[in-house]
């Protein structure tokens, strides 16, 4: 008689009662961000529990930590971290889109159950998506909110088209390095601003057609050489006088977009549409980002990897500036 093989049932991951986190007990400098052991959150009916492998670190995390972006609703200890990637280990009773062991990335700002600087995080499924092909969990952890912000800026708010000339200010940082690739995916001519030979080399390697230092004395002349026909669109990731001088080269009818939080904001200009926006995480936007990642064959520059216990050092590095790509906290290794 033929032998019948019966597959072993999938073993449910063991979830501990407590977990390691990086959290604050008060607002302040990087040193207030310290290791804490806290209860593992429970996944609600529409949530999944993610075993975090990597969490992105952004300048907005530092502003939450020091109280600049305090809402008054914070409860301490406060686990920081708006986005990251990992593996689902449990799901709520009404979750059908995901399974245990799915590799996912997620973004949720002000998550009441705690942020991604932790071994586990519970997140509403609307803010979660399967990691696209081509990205490992470290890259996905670095690129969740920055990927949403970059892709929506280029595709939704600027509607970049083939042949247009696009300026990306602050192009060597976390959002900018991804935005360069998404704009090149649209077959645009991409010009980025960056300071230093290492940043310039990185942007060239990612496909930028031109790179210049917006703070140099000859910045406008250099941009005019790179964009003799002017600029159709600009993604402003770094504001201030240097950006304003560059925007003098915008063509009438041009578009400027900037993520909310960029300071100072681009100044209004006659004949130019200027829009601020926030990166949105829902099913439609995650699907659009997945397509863009695969079509662009996205590369995710990582400017440094720190263990969870060194979250304060990661924040200090972010605040020093000139990070090429994004800083990441690694919580566990990918198997």
Protein backbone atom coordinates (compact mmCIF):
# COMPACT_ATOMS: atom_id res chain seq x y z
CA UNK A 1 0.00 0.00 0.00
CA UNK A 2 1.26 3.56 -0.72
CA UNK A 3 2.59 5.43 2.26
CA UNK A 4 0.68 8.54 3.26
CA UNK A 5 2.73 11.39 4.74
CA UNK A 6 0.90 13.56 7.25
CA UNK A 7 2.29 17.06 7.67
CA UNK A 8 3.12 18.00 11.22
CA UNK A 9 0.91 20.78 12.58
CA UNK A 10 2.48 24.22 12.64
CA UNK A 11 3.86 24.88 16.10
CA UNK A 12 2.62 28.07 17.75
CA UNK A 13 5.51 30.34 18.72
CA UNK A 14 6.19 30.65 22.42
CA UNK A 15 5.49 34.21 23.53
CA UNK A 16 7.07 35.33 26.80
CA UNK A 17 5.26 37.44 29.38
CA UNK A 18 7.87 40.23 29.29
CA UNK A 19 10.20 41.73 26.73
CA UNK A 20 13.20 43.99 26.39
CA UNK A 21 12.46 47.53 25.19
CA UNK A 22 14.08 50.95 24.88
CA UNK A 23 11.81 53.48 26.58
CA UNK A 24 11.75 56.85 28.33
CA UNK A 25 10.41 57.77 31.76
CA UNK A 26 10.58 61.50 31.01
CA UNK A 27 11.39 63.81 28.11
CA UNK A 28 15.00 64.80 27.68
CA UNK A 29 18.33 64.18 25.90
CA UNK A 30 19.35 60.81 24.41
CA UNK A 31 20.43 59.55 27.82
CA UNK A 32 16.81 59.33 29.02
CA UNK A 33 16.26 56.50 26.51
CA UNK A 34 17.19 53.41 28.52
CA UNK A 35 16.56 49.64 28.55
CA UNK A 36 13.29 48.59 30.19
CA UNK A 37 11.66 45.21 30.72
CA UNK A 38 7.92 45.54 30.11
CA UNK A 39 4.93 43.23 29.52
CA UNK A 40 4.49 41.90 25.99
CA UNK A 41 1.38 43.58 24.51
CA UNK A 42 -1.64 41.49 23.55
CA UNK A 43 -2.96 41.56 20.00
CA UNK A 44 -6.49 42.97 19.86
CA UNK A 45 -9.16 41.59 17.51
CA UNK A 46 -7.84 43.54 14.50
CA UNK A 47 -4.16 43.45 15.43
CA UNK A 48 -1.15 41.23 14.90
CA UNK A 49 1.70 40.71 17.35
CA UNK A 50 5.04 41.11 15.59
CA UNK A 51 8.36 39.77 16.84
CA UNK A 52 10.44 42.80 15.86
CA UNK A 53 13.71 42.17 14.03
CA UNK A 54 14.58 45.76 13.14
CA UNK A 55 13.21 49.20 13.95
CA UNK A 56 13.96 52.40 12.08
CA UNK A 57 15.34 55.42 13.94
CA UNK A 58 14.37 58.88 12.66
CA UNK A 59 14.85 62.48 13.70
CA UNK A 60 11.13 62.54 14.54
CA UNK A 61 11.82 59.88 17.20
CA UNK A 62 14.31 62.27 18.77
CA UNK A 63 11.71 65.04 18.76
CA UNK A 64 9.24 62.76 20.51
CA UNK A 65 11.94 61.79 23.03
CA UNK A 66 12.92 65.38 23.88
CA UNK A 67 9.31 66.57 24.14
CA UNK A 68 9.29 68.83 21.07
CA UNK A 69 6.45 66.81 19.56
CA UNK A 70 4.73 66.01 22.87
CA UNK A 71 0.95 65.80 22.69
CA UNK A 72 0.23 65.71 26.42
CA UNK A 73 -1.30 62.24 26.08
CA UNK A 74 1.96 60.33 26.56
CA UNK A 75 2.10 57.69 29.29
CA UNK A 76 5.43 56.68 30.79
CA UNK A 77 7.35 54.51 30.39
CA UNK A 78 6.98 55.37 26.70
CA UNK A 79 8.39 52.88 24.18
CA UNK A 80 9.59 54.81 21.14
CA UNK A 81 9.71 53.79 17.48
CA UNK A 82 7.18 54.41 14.71
CA UNK A 83 8.10 51.66 12.27
CA UNK A 84 9.94 48.42 11.79
CA UNK A 85 9.82 44.87 10.47
CA UNK A 86 9.62 41.36 11.84
CA UNK A 87 7.62 38.15 11.90
CA UNK A 88 4.02 37.68 13.03
CA UNK A 89 3.79 35.44 16.11
CA UNK A 90 0.11 35.92 17.00
CA UNK A 91 -2.99 37.44 15.45
CA UNK A 92 -6.27 38.79 16.72
CA UNK A 93 -9.54 36.89 16.48
CA UNK A 94 -10.77 38.85 13.43
CA UNK A 95 -7.52 38.91 11.45
CA UNK A 96 -7.71 36.99 8.16
CA UNK A 97 -5.17 38.72 5.90
CA UNK A 98 -2.08 37.49 7.71
CA UNK A 99 -0.77 34.23 9.14
CA UNK A 100 1.67 33.40 11.88
CA UNK A 101 5.25 33.39 10.47
CA UNK A 102 4.49 36.03 7.81
CA UNK A 103 7.37 38.47 7.31
CA UNK A 104 5.91 41.97 7.61
CA UNK A 105 6.79 45.64 7.89
CA UNK A 106 4.62 48.17 9.67
CA UNK A 107 4.19 51.84 10.55
CA UNK A 108 2.06 53.27 13.33
CA UNK A 109 2.58 56.70 14.85
CA UNK A 110 1.68 57.08 18.55
CA UNK A 111 0.75 53.44 18.98
CA UNK A 112 -1.05 53.26 22.36
CA UNK A 113 0.39 49.77 22.93
CA UNK A 114 3.97 50.92 22.50
CA UNK A 115 6.43 51.50 19.69
CA UNK A 116 8.91 49.39 17.74
CA UNK A 117 11.92 49.80 20.06
CA UNK A 118 10.95 46.48 21.57
CA UNK A 119 11.12 42.73 21.06
CA UNK A 120 7.37 42.67 20.33
CA UNK A 121 4.82 45.18 19.07
CA UNK A 122 1.04 44.90 18.54
CA UNK A 123 -0.17 46.76 15.43
CA UNK A 124 -3.53 47.23 13.67
CA UNK A 125 -3.46 45.26 10.41
CA UNK A 126 -4.31 48.37 8.37
CA UNK A 127 -0.80 49.57 9.19
CA UNK A 128 0.93 46.28 8.31
CA UNK A 129 2.00 44.71 5.01
CA UNK A 130 3.99 41.74 3.79
CA UNK A 131 7.65 42.55 3.14
CA UNK A 132 8.23 42.93 -0.63
CA UNK A 133 10.48 40.55 -2.50
CA UNK A 134 14.07 41.70 -2.54
CA UNK A 135 14.15 43.21 0.95
CA UNK A 136 15.42 41.46 4.06
CA UNK A 137 14.00 42.32 7.48
CA UNK A 138 16.81 44.76 8.32
CA UNK A 139 16.17 46.71 5.11
CA UNK A 140 12.41 46.56 5.60
CA UNK A 141 12.79 47.83 9.16
CA UNK A 142 14.74 50.77 7.80
CA UNK A 143 12.35 51.55 4.97
CA UNK A 144 8.75 51.32 6.18
CA UNK A 145 7.78 54.92 6.98
CA UNK A 146 10.58 56.37 4.85
CA UNK A 147 9.45 54.27 1.90
CA UNK A 148 5.83 55.37 2.29
CA UNK A 149 6.92 59.01 2.59
CA UNK A 150 9.25 58.90 -0.41
CA UNK A 151 6.91 56.97 -2.72
CA UNK A 152 3.85 59.07 -1.90
CA UNK A 153 5.83 62.27 -2.34
CA UNK A 154 7.10 61.28 -5.78
CA UNK A 155 3.99 59.51 -7.11
CA UNK A 156 0.97 61.03 -5.36
CA UNK A 157 1.88 64.61 -4.47
CA UNK A 158 4.33 65.48 -7.25
CA UNK A 159 2.99 63.09 -9.92
CA UNK A 160 6.47 62.92 -11.42
CA UNK A 161 6.39 62.11 -15.14
CA UNK A 162 8.94 60.80 -17.61
CA UNK A 163 11.39 63.44 -18.80
CA UNK A 164 10.70 65.95 -16.02
CA UNK A 165 13.54 67.44 -13.99
CA UNK A 166 13.08 66.85 -10.26
CA UNK A 167 15.05 68.36 -7.40
CA UNK A 168 15.35 66.36 -4.16
CA UNK A 169 16.82 68.38 -1.31
CA UNK A 170 18.45 66.45 1.52
CA UNK A 171 18.72 63.54 -0.88
CA UNK A 172 21.38 61.52 0.95
CA UNK A 173 19.29 60.89 4.08
CA UNK A 174 16.69 58.22 4.84
CA UNK A 175 13.75 59.47 2.73
CA UNK A 176 15.86 61.07 0.02
CA UNK A 177 17.87 57.98 -0.93
CA UNK A 178 14.61 56.13 -1.60
CA UNK A 179 12.96 59.09 -3.34
CA UNK A 180 15.84 59.30 -5.83
CA UNK A 181 15.18 55.71 -6.86
CA UNK A 182 11.41 56.14 -7.07
CA UNK A 183 11.83 59.23 -9.27
CA UNK A 184 14.26 57.38 -11.54
CA UNK A 185 11.65 54.62 -11.77
CA UNK A 186 9.44 57.29 -13.38
CA UNK A 187 12.27 58.03 -15.86
CA UNK A 188 12.69 61.54 -14.58
CA UNK A 189 15.92 63.51 -14.52
CA UNK A 190 16.86 63.61 -10.83
CA UNK A 191 19.07 66.19 -9.17
CA UNK A 192 19.90 65.79 -5.50
CA UNK A 193 21.47 68.05 -2.91
CA UNK A 194 24.10 66.59 -0.60
CA UNK A 195 27.23 67.60 1.27
CA UNK A 196 30.50 65.69 1.04
CA UNK A 197 32.14 63.25 -1.32
CA UNK A 198 30.64 60.19 0.36
CA UNK A 199 27.08 61.49 0.04
CA UNK A 200 27.67 62.53 -3.56
CA UNK A 201 29.06 59.11 -4.44
CA UNK A 202 26.09 57.38 -2.82
CA UNK A 203 23.53 59.41 -4.77
CA UNK A 204 25.37 58.87 -8.03
CA UNK A 205 25.39 55.15 -7.32
CA UNK A 206 21.62 55.23 -6.68
CA UNK A 207 21.01 56.82 -10.07
CA UNK A 208 20.97 60.59 -9.51
CA UNK A 209 21.77 62.48 -12.71
CA UNK A 210 23.33 65.39 -10.84
CA UNK A 211 24.42 66.18 -7.28
CA UNK A 212 25.47 69.50 -5.75
CA UNK A 213 25.90 71.15 -2.35
CA UNK A 214 22.96 73.54 -1.88
CA UNK A 215 24.87 75.45 0.82
CA UNK A 216 27.86 76.29 -1.37
CA UNK A 217 28.39 79.82 -2.66
CA UNK A 218 27.85 78.74 -6.27
CA UNK A 219 24.83 76.50 -5.60
CA UNK A 220 22.42 78.37 -7.86
CA UNK A 221 24.91 78.48 -10.72
CA UNK A 222 25.60 74.78 -10.31
CA UNK A 223 21.88 73.94 -10.30
CA UNK A 224 21.33 76.11 -13.37
CA UNK A 225 24.02 74.09 -15.16
CA UNK A 226 22.38 70.82 -14.14
CA UNK A 227 18.85 72.01 -14.99
CA UNK A 228 19.16 74.52 -17.84
CA UNK A 229 15.45 74.14 -18.59
CA UNK A 230 14.41 74.75 -14.99
CA UNK A 231 12.65 72.46 -12.54
CA UNK A 232 9.21 70.90 -12.91
CA UNK A 233 9.06 69.39 -9.42
CA UNK A 234 10.88 69.36 -6.09
CA UNK A 235 10.70 67.13 -3.03
CA UNK A 236 11.85 69.32 -0.14
CA UNK A 237 13.37 67.19 2.61
CA UNK A 238 15.61 69.96 3.96
CA UNK A 239 14.30 73.52 4.26
CA UNK A 240 15.86 76.92 4.74
CA UNK A 241 17.60 79.64 2.69
CA UNK A 242 19.54 77.11 0.59
CA UNK A 243 16.31 75.46 -0.54
CA UNK A 244 14.63 78.81 -1.27
CA UNK A 245 17.48 79.83 -3.58
CA UNK A 246 17.11 76.55 -5.45
CA UNK A 247 13.36 76.95 -5.78
CA UNK A 248 13.96 80.20 -7.65
CA UNK A 249 14.59 77.93 -10.63
CA UNK A 250 11.11 76.38 -10.51
CA UNK A 251 9.16 76.72 -13.76
CA UNK A 252 5.70 78.31 -13.68
CA UNK A 253 3.20 75.56 -12.90
CA UNK A 254 5.82 73.60 -11.00
CA UNK A 255 5.09 71.48 -7.93
CA UNK A 256 6.80 71.34 -4.55
CA UNK A 257 6.00 68.74 -1.90
CA UNK A 258 7.43 68.35 1.58
CA UNK A 259 6.74 65.98 4.48
CA UNK A 260 5.16 67.73 7.44
CA UNK A 261 7.87 68.36 9.99
CA UNK A 262 10.39 69.80 7.53
CA UNK A 263 11.46 73.13 9.00
CA UNK A 264 11.32 75.82 7.85
CA UNK A 265 8.55 75.01 5.40
CA UNK A 266 9.00 76.10 1.76
CA UNK A 267 7.69 79.64 1.27
CA UNK A 268 4.65 80.30 -0.97
CA UNK A 269 5.49 81.26 -4.57
CA UNK A 270 3.30 82.65 -7.29
CA UNK A 271 2.53 80.06 -9.96
CA UNK A 272 3.97 77.18 -7.91
CA UNK A 273 1.88 74.59 -6.08
CA UNK A 274 3.31 73.76 -2.66
CA UNK A 275 1.86 70.96 -0.52
CA UNK A 276 2.79 69.44 2.83
CA UNK A 277 1.84 65.85 3.53
CA UNK A 278 2.18 62.91 5.91
CA UNK A 279 3.05 59.38 4.88
CA UNK A 280 -0.12 57.28 5.02
CA UNK A 281 -0.18 53.57 5.89
CA UNK A 282 -3.25 51.68 4.68
CA UNK A 283 -3.85 48.72 2.36
CA UNK A 284 -3.88 50.82 -0.80
CA UNK A 285 -0.69 52.70 0.06
CA UNK A 286 1.17 49.57 1.14
CA UNK A 287 0.26 47.92 -2.17
CA UNK A 288 1.50 50.95 -4.11
CA UNK A 289 4.75 50.93 -2.16
CA UNK A 290 5.26 47.22 -2.79
CA UNK A 291 4.90 47.77 -6.55
CA UNK A 292 7.31 50.70 -6.46
CA UNK A 293 9.88 48.74 -4.44
CA UNK A 294 9.84 45.85 -6.90
CA UNK A 295 9.83 48.02 -10.04
CA UNK A 296 12.67 50.21 -8.76
CA UNK A 297 14.60 47.20 -7.44
CA UNK A 298 14.96 49.35 -4.38
CA UNK A 299 18.18 49.53 -2.44
CA UNK A 300 17.95 50.66 1.18
CA UNK A 301 21.09 52.46 2.38
CA UNK A 302 21.68 51.87 6.09
CA UNK A 303 23.81 54.40 7.91
CA UNK A 304 24.37 52.34 11.04
CA UNK A 305 23.02 49.37 12.98
CA UNK A 306 22.75 49.41 16.78
CA UNK A 307 21.50 46.79 19.24
CA UNK A 308 18.35 47.67 21.15
CA UNK A 309 20.40 48.33 24.30
CA UNK A 310 22.24 51.14 22.49
CA UNK A 311 19.16 53.07 21.41
CA UNK A 312 20.46 56.20 23.15
CA UNK A 313 23.65 56.02 21.07
CA UNK A 314 21.53 55.66 17.92
CA UNK A 315 19.59 58.82 18.85
CA UNK A 316 22.80 60.73 19.51
CA UNK A 317 24.08 59.69 16.07
CA UNK A 318 20.87 60.82 14.37
CA UNK A 319 21.02 64.20 16.09
CA UNK A 320 24.63 64.77 14.93
CA UNK A 321 23.30 64.69 11.36
CA UNK A 322 24.82 63.74 8.00
CA UNK A 323 23.55 60.16 8.17
CA UNK A 324 23.68 58.45 4.78
CA UNK A 325 20.47 56.45 4.63
CA UNK A 326 18.81 55.42 7.90
CA UNK A 327 19.90 54.31 11.33
CA UNK A 328 18.41 50.98 12.47
CA UNK A 329 17.99 49.16 15.79
CA UNK A 330 18.41 45.40 15.44
CA UNK A 331 16.37 43.45 17.98
CA UNK A 332 17.07 39.89 16.77
CA UNK A 333 18.76 38.16 13.85
CA UNK A 334 16.81 37.00 10.81
CA UNK A 335 16.78 33.23 10.51
